[in-house]
């Protein structure tokens, strides 16, 4: 399966934002709508990535600079493409981008009850560094961080 992972451009996101939202459809607690994807964030288009099979979006990482470095806001793979290493390919591409920019850590928050995602992050060497309550639904979020290996 030929999957292309590339940097996400603002034009691409704007023209296909409904597909980004559609990928979230099977996540029961997901609240992001088109307007959330289009919010301007520091270095969003320099850091975010998209995975494509031909013209089809198979996954994406929406990231920006937050506090001390790159922060992943959304990391999703289309349901029918899961378990095909697309998440790992996107994460590796993302790491190369941030390493080239001189950053050494990646941060994110994930729902504690999203066991599949937590296992993925743990397999990819993310460590839980704290917790916080999600302001949208009061669920518990794990704050996770990963050191990016030197190139």
N, C-alpha and C. Protein backbone atom coordinates (compact mmCIF):
# COMPACT_ATOMS: atom_id res chain seq x y z
N UNK A 1 0.85 -1.18 0.00
CA UNK A 1 0.00 0.00 0.00
C UNK A 1 0.90 1.24 0.00
N UNK A 2 0.73 2.07 -1.00
CA UNK A 2 1.53 3.29 -1.11
C UNK A 2 0.84 4.43 -0.38
N UNK A 3 1.46 4.83 0.72
CA UNK A 3 0.97 5.96 1.51
C UNK A 3 2.00 7.06 1.44
N UNK A 4 1.56 8.24 1.07
CA UNK A 4 2.42 9.42 1.04
C UNK A 4 2.13 10.24 2.29
N UNK A 5 3.16 10.54 3.07
CA UNK A 5 3.03 11.43 4.22
C UNK A 5 3.74 12.72 3.86
N UNK A 6 3.04 13.82 4.03
CA UNK A 6 3.58 15.12 3.63
C UNK A 6 3.11 16.20 4.60
N UNK A 7 3.73 17.36 4.52
CA UNK A 7 3.33 18.49 5.34
C UNK A 7 1.96 18.98 4.88
N UNK A 8 1.13 19.34 5.84
CA UNK A 8 -0.22 19.83 5.57
C UNK A 8 -0.16 21.31 5.23
N UNK A 9 -0.72 21.69 4.09
CA UNK A 9 -0.77 23.11 3.74
C UNK A 9 -2.12 23.71 4.13
N UNK A 10 -2.14 25.00 4.32
CA UNK A 10 -3.38 25.69 4.67
C UNK A 10 -4.41 25.54 3.56
N UNK A 11 -4.00 25.66 2.30
CA UNK A 11 -4.93 25.53 1.18
C UNK A 11 -5.55 24.13 1.14
N UNK A 12 -4.73 23.11 1.35
CA UNK A 12 -5.24 21.74 1.34
C UNK A 12 -6.27 21.56 2.45
N UNK A 13 -5.94 22.01 3.66
CA UNK A 13 -6.87 21.86 4.78
C UNK A 13 -8.17 22.60 4.51
N UNK A 14 -8.08 23.83 4.05
CA UNK A 14 -9.30 24.61 3.79
C UNK A 14 -10.18 23.95 2.73
N UNK A 15 -9.55 23.42 1.69
CA UNK A 15 -10.33 22.85 0.58
C UNK A 15 -10.94 21.49 0.92
N UNK A 16 -10.40 20.81 1.95
CA UNK A 16 -10.87 19.46 2.26
C UNK A 16 -11.21 19.27 3.73
N UNK A 17 -11.49 20.37 4.42
CA UNK A 17 -11.72 20.31 5.86
C UNK A 17 -12.85 19.36 6.24
N UNK A 18 -13.87 19.24 5.40
CA UNK A 18 -14.99 18.33 5.73
C UNK A 18 -14.51 16.88 5.84
N UNK A 19 -13.49 16.50 5.06
CA UNK A 19 -12.94 15.14 5.15
C UNK A 19 -12.20 14.94 6.47
N UNK A 20 -11.53 15.98 6.95
CA UNK A 20 -10.84 15.89 8.23
C UNK A 20 -11.86 15.64 9.34
N UNK A 21 -12.97 16.36 9.29
CA UNK A 21 -14.03 16.19 10.28
C UNK A 21 -14.64 14.79 10.16
N UNK A 22 -14.86 14.33 8.95
CA UNK A 22 -15.46 13.01 8.71
C UNK A 22 -14.65 11.88 9.36
N UNK A 23 -13.34 12.00 9.35
CA UNK A 23 -12.49 10.97 9.95
C UNK A 23 -12.73 10.85 11.45
N UNK A 24 -13.18 11.92 12.09
CA UNK A 24 -13.47 11.90 13.52
C UNK A 24 -14.81 11.26 13.85
N UNK A 25 -15.63 10.97 12.85
CA UNK A 25 -17.02 10.57 13.06
C UNK A 25 -17.21 9.39 14.00
N UNK A 26 -16.28 8.42 14.00
CA UNK A 26 -16.50 7.26 14.86
C UNK A 26 -15.86 7.39 16.24
N UNK A 27 -15.47 8.58 16.61
CA UNK A 27 -14.95 8.83 17.95
C UNK A 27 -16.04 9.51 18.76
N UNK A 28 -16.65 8.80 19.72
CA UNK A 28 -17.85 9.31 20.39
C UNK A 28 -17.66 10.61 21.17
N UNK A 29 -16.47 10.91 21.63
CA UNK A 29 -16.28 12.10 22.45
C UNK A 29 -15.62 13.24 21.69
N UNK A 30 -15.49 13.08 20.40
CA UNK A 30 -14.79 14.10 19.62
C UNK A 30 -15.72 15.26 19.31
N UNK A 31 -15.25 16.47 19.58
CA UNK A 31 -16.09 17.66 19.40
C UNK A 31 -15.60 18.58 18.28
N UNK A 32 -14.41 18.33 17.72
CA UNK A 32 -13.89 19.26 16.71
C UNK A 32 -14.80 19.29 15.49
N UNK A 33 -15.07 20.50 15.03
CA UNK A 33 -15.83 20.77 13.81
C UNK A 33 -14.90 21.52 12.85
N UNK A 34 -15.42 21.90 11.69
CA UNK A 34 -14.60 22.59 10.69
C UNK A 34 -13.89 23.81 11.28
N UNK A 35 -14.60 24.60 12.08
CA UNK A 35 -13.99 25.83 12.59
C UNK A 35 -12.80 25.53 13.51
N UNK A 36 -12.80 24.40 14.21
CA UNK A 36 -11.66 24.04 15.06
C UNK A 36 -10.41 23.75 14.22
N UNK A 37 -10.61 23.07 13.10
CA UNK A 37 -9.48 22.75 12.23
C UNK A 37 -8.87 24.00 11.63
N UNK A 38 -9.68 25.03 11.41
CA UNK A 38 -9.22 26.23 10.72
C UNK A 38 -8.64 27.30 11.64
N UNK A 39 -8.67 27.08 12.94
CA UNK A 39 -8.08 28.05 13.88
C UNK A 39 -6.60 28.22 13.58
N UNK A 40 -6.16 29.46 13.59
CA UNK A 40 -4.74 29.75 13.35
C UNK A 40 -3.95 29.47 14.63
N UNK A 41 -2.86 28.73 14.47
CA UNK A 41 -1.98 28.38 15.59
C UNK A 41 -0.54 28.60 15.15
N UNK A 42 0.34 28.86 16.11
CA UNK A 42 1.75 29.10 15.85
C UNK A 42 2.40 27.89 15.17
N UNK A 43 2.92 28.08 13.99
CA UNK A 43 3.62 27.08 13.17
C UNK A 43 2.77 25.86 12.80
N UNK A 44 1.48 26.01 12.82
CA UNK A 44 0.57 24.90 12.51
C UNK A 44 0.89 24.25 11.16
N UNK A 45 1.10 25.06 10.13
CA UNK A 45 1.31 24.49 8.80
C UNK A 45 2.75 24.07 8.55
N UNK A 46 3.65 24.46 9.43
CA UNK A 46 5.02 23.96 9.33
C UNK A 46 5.16 22.62 10.03
N UNK A 47 4.26 22.31 10.97
CA UNK A 47 4.38 21.10 11.78
C UNK A 47 3.36 20.01 11.44
N UNK A 48 2.17 20.37 11.01
CA UNK A 48 1.11 19.37 10.78
C UNK A 48 1.38 18.54 9.54
N UNK A 49 0.91 17.29 9.58
CA UNK A 49 1.14 16.37 8.46
C UNK A 49 -0.16 15.67 8.08
N UNK A 50 -0.18 15.18 6.84
CA UNK A 50 -1.32 14.43 6.34
C UNK A 50 -0.79 13.21 5.60
N UNK A 51 -1.53 12.10 5.72
CA UNK A 51 -1.18 10.87 5.00
C UNK A 51 -2.23 10.65 3.92
N UNK A 52 -1.76 10.32 2.72
CA UNK A 52 -2.64 10.15 1.56
C UNK A 52 -2.38 8.83 0.86
N UNK A 53 -3.46 8.20 0.42
CA UNK A 53 -3.37 7.07 -0.50
C UNK A 53 -4.04 7.57 -1.77
N UNK A 54 -3.23 7.91 -2.75
CA UNK A 54 -3.77 8.60 -3.92
C UNK A 54 -4.30 9.95 -3.45
N UNK A 55 -5.57 10.20 -3.70
CA UNK A 55 -6.20 11.45 -3.28
C UNK A 55 -6.92 11.32 -1.94
N UNK A 56 -7.03 10.10 -1.42
CA UNK A 56 -7.78 9.88 -0.18
C UNK A 56 -6.94 10.19 1.05
N UNK A 57 -7.51 10.97 1.96
CA UNK A 57 -6.85 11.25 3.23
C UNK A 57 -7.00 10.02 4.12
N UNK A 58 -5.86 9.46 4.53
CA UNK A 58 -5.90 8.27 5.40
C UNK A 58 -5.62 8.61 6.85
N UNK A 59 -5.02 9.77 7.10
CA UNK A 59 -4.75 10.17 8.47
C UNK A 59 -4.10 11.54 8.52
N UNK A 60 -3.96 12.06 9.74
CA UNK A 60 -3.34 13.37 9.90
C UNK A 60 -2.88 13.60 11.34
N UNK A 61 -1.94 14.50 11.46
CA UNK A 61 -1.52 15.05 12.75
C UNK A 61 -1.67 16.56 12.63
N UNK A 62 -2.50 17.13 13.49
CA UNK A 62 -2.63 18.59 13.56
C UNK A 62 -1.81 19.02 14.78
N UNK A 63 -0.80 19.83 14.55
CA UNK A 63 0.11 20.23 15.62
C UNK A 63 0.44 21.72 15.51
N UNK A 64 0.98 22.24 16.59
CA UNK A 64 1.46 23.63 16.60
C UNK A 64 2.47 23.76 17.73
N UNK A 65 3.04 24.94 17.83
CA UNK A 65 3.90 25.22 18.97
C UNK A 65 3.02 25.65 20.13
N UNK A 66 3.29 25.07 21.29
CA UNK A 66 2.53 25.39 22.49
C UNK A 66 3.48 25.28 23.66
N UNK A 67 3.56 26.31 24.46
CA UNK A 67 4.45 26.33 25.63
C UNK A 67 5.89 26.05 25.23
N UNK A 68 6.41 24.86 25.55
CA UNK A 68 7.83 24.58 25.36
C UNK A 68 8.17 23.85 24.07
N UNK A 69 7.22 23.66 23.16
CA UNK A 69 7.56 22.98 21.92
C UNK A 69 6.35 22.45 21.19
N UNK A 70 6.58 21.53 20.24
CA UNK A 70 5.51 20.98 19.42
C UNK A 70 4.47 20.23 20.26
N UNK A 71 3.21 20.51 19.96
CA UNK A 71 2.10 19.90 20.67
C UNK A 71 1.14 19.32 19.64
N UNK A 72 0.78 18.05 19.81
CA UNK A 72 -0.17 17.40 18.90
C UNK A 72 -1.59 17.65 19.42
N UNK A 73 -2.39 18.34 18.61
CA UNK A 73 -3.78 18.60 18.97
C UNK A 73 -4.67 17.44 18.55
N UNK A 74 -4.46 16.92 17.35
CA UNK A 74 -5.26 15.81 16.82
C UNK A 74 -4.35 14.87 16.06
N UNK A 75 -4.54 13.57 16.28
CA UNK A 75 -3.76 12.52 15.62
C UNK A 75 -4.75 11.41 15.31
N UNK A 76 -5.14 11.29 14.05
CA UNK A 76 -6.17 10.31 13.68
C UNK A 76 -5.79 9.58 12.40
N UNK A 77 -6.20 8.32 12.35
CA UNK A 77 -6.11 7.51 11.14
C UNK A 77 -7.52 7.07 10.81
N UNK A 78 -7.88 7.18 9.53
CA UNK A 78 -9.21 6.76 9.07
C UNK A 78 -9.44 5.31 9.48
N UNK A 79 -10.63 5.02 9.96
CA UNK A 79 -10.97 3.70 10.54
C UNK A 79 -10.52 2.53 9.66
N UNK A 80 -10.80 2.60 8.38
CA UNK A 80 -10.49 1.46 7.50
C UNK A 80 -9.00 1.31 7.19
N UNK A 81 -8.18 2.25 7.66
CA UNK A 81 -6.74 2.19 7.43
C UNK A 81 -5.94 1.93 8.71
N UNK A 82 -6.61 1.68 9.80
CA UNK A 82 -5.90 1.41 11.05
C UNK A 82 -5.18 0.07 10.98
N UNK A 83 -4.18 -0.07 11.83
CA UNK A 83 -3.37 -1.30 11.90
C UNK A 83 -2.58 -1.56 10.63
N UNK A 84 -2.19 -0.50 9.94
CA UNK A 84 -1.37 -0.61 8.73
C UNK A 84 -0.11 0.25 8.82
N UNK A 85 0.26 0.62 10.02
CA UNK A 85 1.48 1.40 10.30
C UNK A 85 1.43 2.84 9.80
N UNK A 86 0.27 3.33 9.45
CA UNK A 86 0.15 4.72 8.98
C UNK A 86 0.46 5.69 10.11
N UNK A 87 -0.02 5.40 11.32
CA UNK A 87 0.27 6.26 12.46
C UNK A 87 1.76 6.35 12.73
N UNK A 88 2.46 5.22 12.65
CA UNK A 88 3.91 5.23 12.85
C UNK A 88 4.62 6.02 11.76
N UNK A 89 4.16 5.88 10.52
CA UNK A 89 4.76 6.64 9.41
C UNK A 89 4.57 8.14 9.60
N UNK A 90 3.37 8.53 10.02
CA UNK A 90 3.13 9.96 10.25
C UNK A 90 3.96 10.47 11.42
N UNK A 91 4.06 9.68 12.49
CA UNK A 91 4.84 10.10 13.64
C UNK A 91 6.31 10.25 13.28
N UNK A 92 6.85 9.35 12.51
CA UNK A 92 8.25 9.44 12.08
C UNK A 92 8.48 10.68 11.23
N UNK A 93 7.59 10.96 10.29
CA UNK A 93 7.68 12.15 9.45
C UNK A 93 7.62 13.41 10.32
N UNK A 94 6.67 13.42 11.26
CA UNK A 94 6.50 14.55 12.18
C UNK A 94 7.78 14.76 13.00
N UNK A 95 8.33 13.68 13.52
CA UNK A 95 9.57 13.77 14.30
C UNK A 95 10.71 14.37 13.48
N UNK A 96 10.82 13.97 12.23
CA UNK A 96 11.88 14.51 11.37
C UNK A 96 11.71 16.02 11.19
N UNK A 97 10.47 16.47 11.04
CA UNK A 97 10.21 17.91 10.90
C UNK A 97 10.66 18.64 12.16
N UNK A 98 10.23 18.16 13.31
CA UNK A 98 10.54 18.91 14.52
C UNK A 98 12.03 18.81 14.88
N UNK A 99 12.65 17.69 14.58
CA UNK A 99 14.09 17.56 14.81
C UNK A 99 14.85 18.57 13.96
N UNK A 100 14.44 18.69 12.69
CA UNK A 100 15.09 19.66 11.79
C UNK A 100 14.91 21.10 12.27
N UNK A 101 13.84 21.36 13.02
CA UNK A 101 13.58 22.70 13.55
C UNK A 101 14.25 22.92 14.90
N UNK A 102 14.93 21.89 15.41
CA UNK A 102 15.68 22.03 16.65
C UNK A 102 14.91 21.70 17.92
N UNK A 103 13.73 21.14 17.81
CA UNK A 103 12.95 20.76 18.99
C UNK A 103 13.28 19.34 19.40
N UNK A 104 13.13 19.05 20.68
CA UNK A 104 13.52 17.73 21.19
C UNK A 104 12.41 16.99 21.93
N UNK A 105 11.22 17.62 22.06
CA UNK A 105 10.12 16.94 22.74
C UNK A 105 8.82 17.13 21.97
N UNK A 106 7.92 16.18 22.15
CA UNK A 106 6.56 16.24 21.61
C UNK A 106 5.63 16.07 22.80
N UNK A 107 4.59 16.90 22.88
CA UNK A 107 3.59 16.79 23.94
C UNK A 107 2.21 16.59 23.35
N UNK A 108 1.33 16.00 24.14
CA UNK A 108 -0.06 15.81 23.73
C UNK A 108 -0.90 15.47 24.95
N UNK A 109 -2.20 15.49 24.77
CA UNK A 109 -3.14 15.03 25.80
C UNK A 109 -4.07 14.02 25.13
N UNK A 110 -4.35 12.93 25.83
CA UNK A 110 -5.21 11.88 25.29
C UNK A 110 -6.18 11.44 26.39
N UNK A 111 -7.40 11.14 25.98
CA UNK A 111 -8.39 10.65 26.95
C UNK A 111 -7.87 9.38 27.61
N UNK A 112 -7.94 9.35 28.91
CA UNK A 112 -7.46 8.20 29.67
C UNK A 112 -8.18 6.92 29.27
N UNK A 113 -9.47 7.03 28.90
CA UNK A 113 -10.24 5.84 28.53
C UNK A 113 -10.09 5.44 27.06
N UNK A 114 -9.27 6.15 26.30
CA UNK A 114 -9.00 5.79 24.90
C UNK A 114 -7.81 4.82 24.90
N UNK A 115 -8.09 3.59 25.30
CA UNK A 115 -7.04 2.61 25.51
C UNK A 115 -6.21 2.35 24.26
N UNK A 116 -6.85 2.32 23.11
CA UNK A 116 -6.13 2.08 21.85
C UNK A 116 -5.07 3.16 21.61
N UNK A 117 -5.47 4.42 21.78
CA UNK A 117 -4.54 5.53 21.57
C UNK A 117 -3.44 5.53 22.63
N UNK A 118 -3.80 5.29 23.88
CA UNK A 118 -2.80 5.27 24.95
C UNK A 118 -1.76 4.19 24.66
N UNK A 119 -2.20 3.00 24.25
CA UNK A 119 -1.26 1.92 23.91
C UNK A 119 -0.35 2.33 22.75
N UNK A 120 -0.93 2.98 21.72
CA UNK A 120 -0.13 3.45 20.58
C UNK A 120 0.97 4.39 21.07
N UNK A 121 0.60 5.37 21.87
CA UNK A 121 1.58 6.34 22.34
C UNK A 121 2.65 5.67 23.22
N UNK A 122 2.23 4.76 24.09
CA UNK A 122 3.20 4.07 24.94
C UNK A 122 4.15 3.22 24.10
N UNK A 123 3.64 2.54 23.08
CA UNK A 123 4.50 1.76 22.18
C UNK A 123 5.51 2.65 21.48
N UNK A 124 5.14 3.90 21.29
CA UNK A 124 6.01 4.85 20.61
C UNK A 124 6.75 5.75 21.59
N UNK A 125 6.94 5.26 22.80
CA UNK A 125 7.82 5.85 23.81
C UNK A 125 7.34 7.16 24.42
N UNK A 126 6.05 7.43 24.35
CA UNK A 126 5.49 8.56 25.09
C UNK A 126 5.32 8.13 26.54
N UNK A 127 5.60 9.06 27.44
CA UNK A 127 5.46 8.81 28.88
C UNK A 127 4.42 9.76 29.45
N UNK A 128 3.61 9.25 30.35
CA UNK A 128 2.62 10.09 31.03
C UNK A 128 3.34 10.98 32.03
N UNK A 129 3.11 12.27 31.92
CA UNK A 129 3.78 13.24 32.81
C UNK A 129 2.80 13.94 33.74
N UNK A 130 1.49 13.67 33.57
CA UNK A 130 0.49 14.30 34.42
C UNK A 130 -0.90 14.02 33.90
N UNK A 131 -1.88 14.64 34.52
CA UNK A 131 -3.27 14.51 34.09
C UNK A 131 -3.93 15.88 34.19
N UNK A 132 -5.05 16.01 33.49
CA UNK A 132 -5.89 17.19 33.64
C UNK A 132 -7.30 16.81 33.23
N UNK A 133 -8.25 17.63 33.60
CA UNK A 133 -9.64 17.39 33.25
C UNK A 133 -9.96 18.13 31.96
N UNK A 134 -10.61 17.43 31.04
CA UNK A 134 -11.02 18.03 29.77
C UNK A 134 -12.17 18.99 30.04
N UNK A 135 -12.03 20.23 29.63
CA UNK A 135 -13.05 21.25 29.89
C UNK A 135 -14.32 21.03 29.08
N UNK A 136 -14.28 20.22 28.02
CA UNK A 136 -15.47 20.02 27.20
C UNK A 136 -16.43 18.99 27.79
N UNK A 137 -15.89 17.97 28.49
CA UNK A 137 -16.78 16.92 29.02
C UNK A 137 -16.36 16.38 30.38
N UNK A 138 -15.39 17.03 31.01
CA UNK A 138 -14.90 16.63 32.33
C UNK A 138 -14.25 15.25 32.38
N UNK A 139 -13.85 14.71 31.24
CA UNK A 139 -13.14 13.44 31.23
C UNK A 139 -11.69 13.66 31.67
N UNK A 140 -11.04 12.58 32.07
CA UNK A 140 -9.65 12.66 32.50
C UNK A 140 -8.74 12.51 31.28
N UNK A 141 -7.79 13.43 31.15
CA UNK A 141 -6.82 13.39 30.07
C UNK A 141 -5.44 13.06 30.64
N UNK A 142 -4.71 12.21 29.94
CA UNK A 142 -3.33 11.95 30.29
C UNK A 142 -2.47 12.94 29.51
N UNK A 143 -1.57 13.62 30.17
CA UNK A 143 -0.61 14.48 29.51
C UNK A 143 0.60 13.60 29.22
N UNK A 144 0.97 13.49 27.95
CA UNK A 144 2.06 12.61 27.55
C UNK A 144 3.13 13.40 26.82
N UNK A 145 4.37 12.94 26.97
CA UNK A 145 5.49 13.63 26.36
C UNK A 145 6.48 12.57 25.86
N UNK A 146 7.17 12.92 24.80
CA UNK A 146 8.18 12.03 24.24
C UNK A 146 9.41 12.84 23.88
N UNK A 147 10.55 12.32 24.24
CA UNK A 147 11.81 12.90 23.81
C UNK A 147 12.06 12.42 22.38
N UNK A 148 12.47 13.32 21.52
CA UNK A 148 12.76 12.97 20.13
C UNK A 148 14.22 12.59 20.04
N UNK A 149 14.50 11.37 19.56
CA UNK A 149 15.90 10.96 19.46
C UNK A 149 16.68 11.86 18.49
N UNK A 150 17.95 12.07 18.77
CA UNK A 150 18.80 12.84 17.86
C UNK A 150 18.87 12.13 16.52
N UNK A 151 19.00 12.92 15.46
CA UNK A 151 19.00 12.42 14.09
C UNK A 151 20.12 11.51 13.81
